[in-house]
Amino acid sequence: MEDSNQSKAELSDSDQQEQVKWDYTSSEQTRLMGAVVVGLNVLVALVFLLDRTVPAVHAFITGKAL
C-alpha cells in the first residue's frame, strides 16, 4: 500500500503535463462553443414554437396552411 502512495507522490510536473497534453482548447473557445450551442438550441425552440402557434409562419415553412 505504501508503494502505491509513493508512486502517486512521485508524479513529476512533466508527467502531469503529459496527462493533459491533448487538451488544446482555451476557456474562451469553450465559452464560445457553449454560447453557439445554446444559441442554436434557442433558435430551434423559437422556430418550433412559432411554427406551432402562428399560421403564417407554418405556411411559410411547410408551404401548407395550418
N, C-alpha and C. Protein backbone atom coordinates (compact mmCIF):
# COMPACT_ATOMS: atom_id res chain seq x y z
N MET A 1 0.83 -1.18 0.00
CA MET A 1 0.00 0.00 0.00
C MET A 1 0.87 1.24 0.00
N GLU A 2 1.97 1.17 0.68
CA GLU A 2 2.88 2.31 0.74
C GLU A 2 3.49 2.59 -0.63
N ASP A 3 3.71 1.55 -1.42
CA ASP A 3 4.28 1.72 -2.75
C ASP A 3 3.34 2.50 -3.66
N SER A 4 2.03 2.23 -3.58
CA SER A 4 1.08 2.94 -4.45
C SER A 4 1.00 4.41 -4.07
N ASN A 5 1.04 4.71 -2.77
CA ASN A 5 1.03 6.11 -2.34
C ASN A 5 2.31 6.82 -2.77
N GLN A 6 3.40 6.09 -2.69
CA GLN A 6 4.69 6.68 -3.07
C GLN A 6 4.73 6.92 -4.57
N SER A 7 4.18 6.02 -5.37
CA SER A 7 4.21 6.21 -6.82
C SER A 7 3.34 7.39 -7.23
N LYS A 8 2.23 7.61 -6.54
CA LYS A 8 1.40 8.78 -6.84
C LYS A 8 2.13 10.07 -6.46
N ALA A 9 2.86 10.02 -5.38
CA ALA A 9 3.58 11.21 -4.93
C ALA A 9 4.76 11.51 -5.84
N GLU A 10 5.26 10.51 -6.55
CA GLU A 10 6.43 10.71 -7.40
C GLU A 10 6.08 11.27 -8.77
N LEU A 11 4.81 11.53 -9.06
CA LEU A 11 4.44 12.10 -10.36
C LEU A 11 5.08 13.48 -10.47
N SER A 12 5.88 13.63 -11.48
CA SER A 12 6.55 14.92 -11.66
C SER A 12 5.67 15.84 -12.47
N ASP A 13 6.12 17.08 -12.65
CA ASP A 13 5.38 18.06 -13.44
C ASP A 13 5.26 17.62 -14.89
N SER A 14 6.30 17.00 -15.42
CA SER A 14 6.24 16.56 -16.81
C SER A 14 5.21 15.46 -17.00
N ASP A 15 5.05 14.56 -16.01
CA ASP A 15 4.03 13.52 -16.08
C ASP A 15 2.64 14.13 -16.06
N GLN A 16 2.43 15.13 -15.22
CA GLN A 16 1.13 15.79 -15.15
C GLN A 16 0.84 16.54 -16.44
N GLN A 17 1.84 17.14 -17.05
CA GLN A 17 1.64 17.85 -18.31
C GLN A 17 1.29 16.88 -19.43
N GLU A 18 1.87 15.71 -19.42
CA GLU A 18 1.58 14.71 -20.45
C GLU A 18 0.14 14.22 -20.35
N GLN A 19 -0.41 14.21 -19.16
CA GLN A 19 -1.77 13.73 -18.99
C GLN A 19 -2.79 14.66 -19.64
N VAL A 20 -2.52 15.94 -19.72
CA VAL A 20 -3.46 16.89 -20.32
C VAL A 20 -2.90 17.48 -21.61
N LYS A 21 -1.94 16.80 -22.21
CA LYS A 21 -1.29 17.31 -23.41
C LYS A 21 -2.24 17.42 -24.59
N TRP A 22 -3.27 16.58 -24.64
CA TRP A 22 -4.20 16.56 -25.76
C TRP A 22 -5.16 17.74 -25.75
N ASP A 23 -5.32 18.42 -24.62
CA ASP A 23 -6.32 19.48 -24.49
C ASP A 23 -5.73 20.81 -24.94
N TYR A 24 -6.04 21.19 -26.19
CA TYR A 24 -5.51 22.44 -26.73
C TYR A 24 -6.56 23.55 -26.76
N THR A 25 -7.68 23.36 -26.09
CA THR A 25 -8.72 24.38 -26.09
C THR A 25 -8.49 25.36 -24.95
N SER A 26 -8.94 26.57 -25.16
CA SER A 26 -8.87 27.56 -24.09
C SER A 26 -10.26 27.75 -23.51
N SER A 27 -10.34 28.43 -22.39
CA SER A 27 -11.65 28.65 -21.79
C SER A 27 -12.49 29.57 -22.67
N GLU A 28 -11.84 30.45 -23.42
CA GLU A 28 -12.59 31.33 -24.33
C GLU A 28 -13.23 30.53 -25.45
N GLN A 29 -12.51 29.55 -25.99
CA GLN A 29 -13.07 28.69 -27.04
C GLN A 29 -14.22 27.87 -26.50
N THR A 30 -14.07 27.36 -25.30
CA THR A 30 -15.11 26.55 -24.69
C THR A 30 -16.35 27.39 -24.45
N ARG A 31 -16.16 28.61 -23.96
CA ARG A 31 -17.28 29.51 -23.72
C ARG A 31 -17.99 29.86 -25.03
N LEU A 32 -17.21 30.10 -26.08
CA LEU A 32 -17.78 30.44 -27.38
C LEU A 32 -18.60 29.28 -27.94
N MET A 33 -18.06 28.08 -27.87
CA MET A 33 -18.79 26.92 -28.37
C MET A 33 -20.05 26.66 -27.55
N GLY A 34 -19.99 26.86 -26.26
CA GLY A 34 -21.17 26.72 -25.42
C GLY A 34 -22.23 27.73 -25.80
N ALA A 35 -21.82 28.97 -26.05
CA ALA A 35 -22.77 30.01 -26.45
C ALA A 35 -23.39 29.69 -27.80
N VAL A 36 -22.61 29.14 -28.73
CA VAL A 36 -23.14 28.78 -30.05
C VAL A 36 -24.17 27.67 -29.90
N VAL A 37 -23.87 26.66 -29.11
CA VAL A 37 -24.81 25.54 -28.91
C VAL A 37 -26.10 26.02 -28.26
N VAL A 38 -25.98 26.83 -27.22
CA VAL A 38 -27.17 27.34 -26.55
C VAL A 38 -27.97 28.23 -27.49
N GLY A 39 -27.29 29.09 -28.25
CA GLY A 39 -27.98 29.95 -29.20
C GLY A 39 -28.73 29.18 -30.27
N LEU A 40 -28.11 28.14 -30.80
CA LEU A 40 -28.79 27.32 -31.81
C LEU A 40 -29.98 26.58 -31.21
N ASN A 41 -29.85 26.10 -29.98
CA ASN A 41 -30.98 25.44 -29.33
C ASN A 41 -32.15 26.40 -29.12
N VAL A 42 -31.85 27.62 -28.72
CA VAL A 42 -32.90 28.63 -28.53
C VAL A 42 -33.56 28.94 -29.87
N LEU A 43 -32.76 29.05 -30.93
CA LEU A 43 -33.31 29.32 -32.25
C LEU A 43 -34.23 28.20 -32.72
N VAL A 44 -33.83 26.96 -32.53
CA VAL A 44 -34.67 25.82 -32.91
C VAL A 44 -35.96 25.82 -32.11
N ALA A 45 -35.88 26.08 -30.81
CA ALA A 45 -37.08 26.10 -29.97
C ALA A 45 -38.01 27.24 -30.40
N LEU A 46 -37.46 28.39 -30.73
CA LEU A 46 -38.26 29.53 -31.16
C LEU A 46 -38.97 29.24 -32.48
N VAL A 47 -38.25 28.67 -33.44
CA VAL A 47 -38.86 28.33 -34.72
C VAL A 47 -39.94 27.28 -34.53
N PHE A 48 -39.70 26.32 -33.68
CA PHE A 48 -40.71 25.28 -33.41
C PHE A 48 -41.97 25.89 -32.81
N LEU A 49 -41.81 26.76 -31.81
CA LEU A 49 -42.98 27.38 -31.19
C LEU A 49 -43.73 28.26 -32.17
N LEU A 50 -43.00 29.03 -32.97
CA LEU A 50 -43.66 29.87 -33.97
C LEU A 50 -44.38 29.02 -35.01
N ASP A 51 -43.77 27.91 -35.40
CA ASP A 51 -44.39 27.02 -36.38
C ASP A 51 -45.70 26.45 -35.86
N ARG A 52 -45.73 26.13 -34.57
CA ARG A 52 -46.93 25.52 -33.98
C ARG A 52 -48.02 26.54 -33.67
N THR A 53 -47.66 27.81 -33.44
CA THR A 53 -48.64 28.77 -32.94
C THR A 53 -49.05 29.82 -33.96
N VAL A 54 -48.20 30.15 -34.93
CA VAL A 54 -48.50 31.22 -35.89
C VAL A 54 -48.75 30.59 -37.26
N PRO A 55 -49.98 30.67 -37.74
CA PRO A 55 -50.29 30.04 -39.03
C PRO A 55 -49.46 30.56 -40.20
N ALA A 56 -49.14 31.84 -40.21
CA ALA A 56 -48.35 32.39 -41.31
C ALA A 56 -46.93 31.81 -41.32
N VAL A 57 -46.35 31.60 -40.15
CA VAL A 57 -45.01 31.01 -40.07
C VAL A 57 -45.06 29.55 -40.51
N HIS A 58 -46.10 28.84 -40.12
CA HIS A 58 -46.26 27.45 -40.52
C HIS A 58 -46.41 27.34 -42.04
N ALA A 59 -47.19 28.25 -42.60
CA ALA A 59 -47.39 28.24 -44.06
C ALA A 59 -46.08 28.58 -44.78
N PHE A 60 -45.29 29.47 -44.21
CA PHE A 60 -44.01 29.83 -44.82
C PHE A 60 -43.03 28.66 -44.79
N ILE A 61 -43.00 27.94 -43.68
CA ILE A 61 -42.03 26.84 -43.52
C ILE A 61 -42.46 25.62 -44.35
N THR A 62 -43.72 25.23 -44.25
CA THR A 62 -44.16 23.99 -44.88
C THR A 62 -44.79 24.20 -46.26
N GLY A 63 -45.28 25.40 -46.51
CA GLY A 63 -45.96 25.65 -47.77
C GLY A 63 -47.42 25.24 -47.74
N LYS A 64 -47.90 24.80 -46.59
CA LYS A 64 -49.30 24.40 -46.44
C LYS A 64 -49.93 25.19 -45.30
N ALA A 65 -51.24 25.37 -45.39
CA ALA A 65 -51.94 26.06 -44.31
C ALA A 65 -51.98 25.18 -43.07
N LEU A 66 -52.14 25.79 -41.94
CA LEU A 66 -52.16 25.07 -40.66
C LEU A 66 -53.40 24.24 -40.51
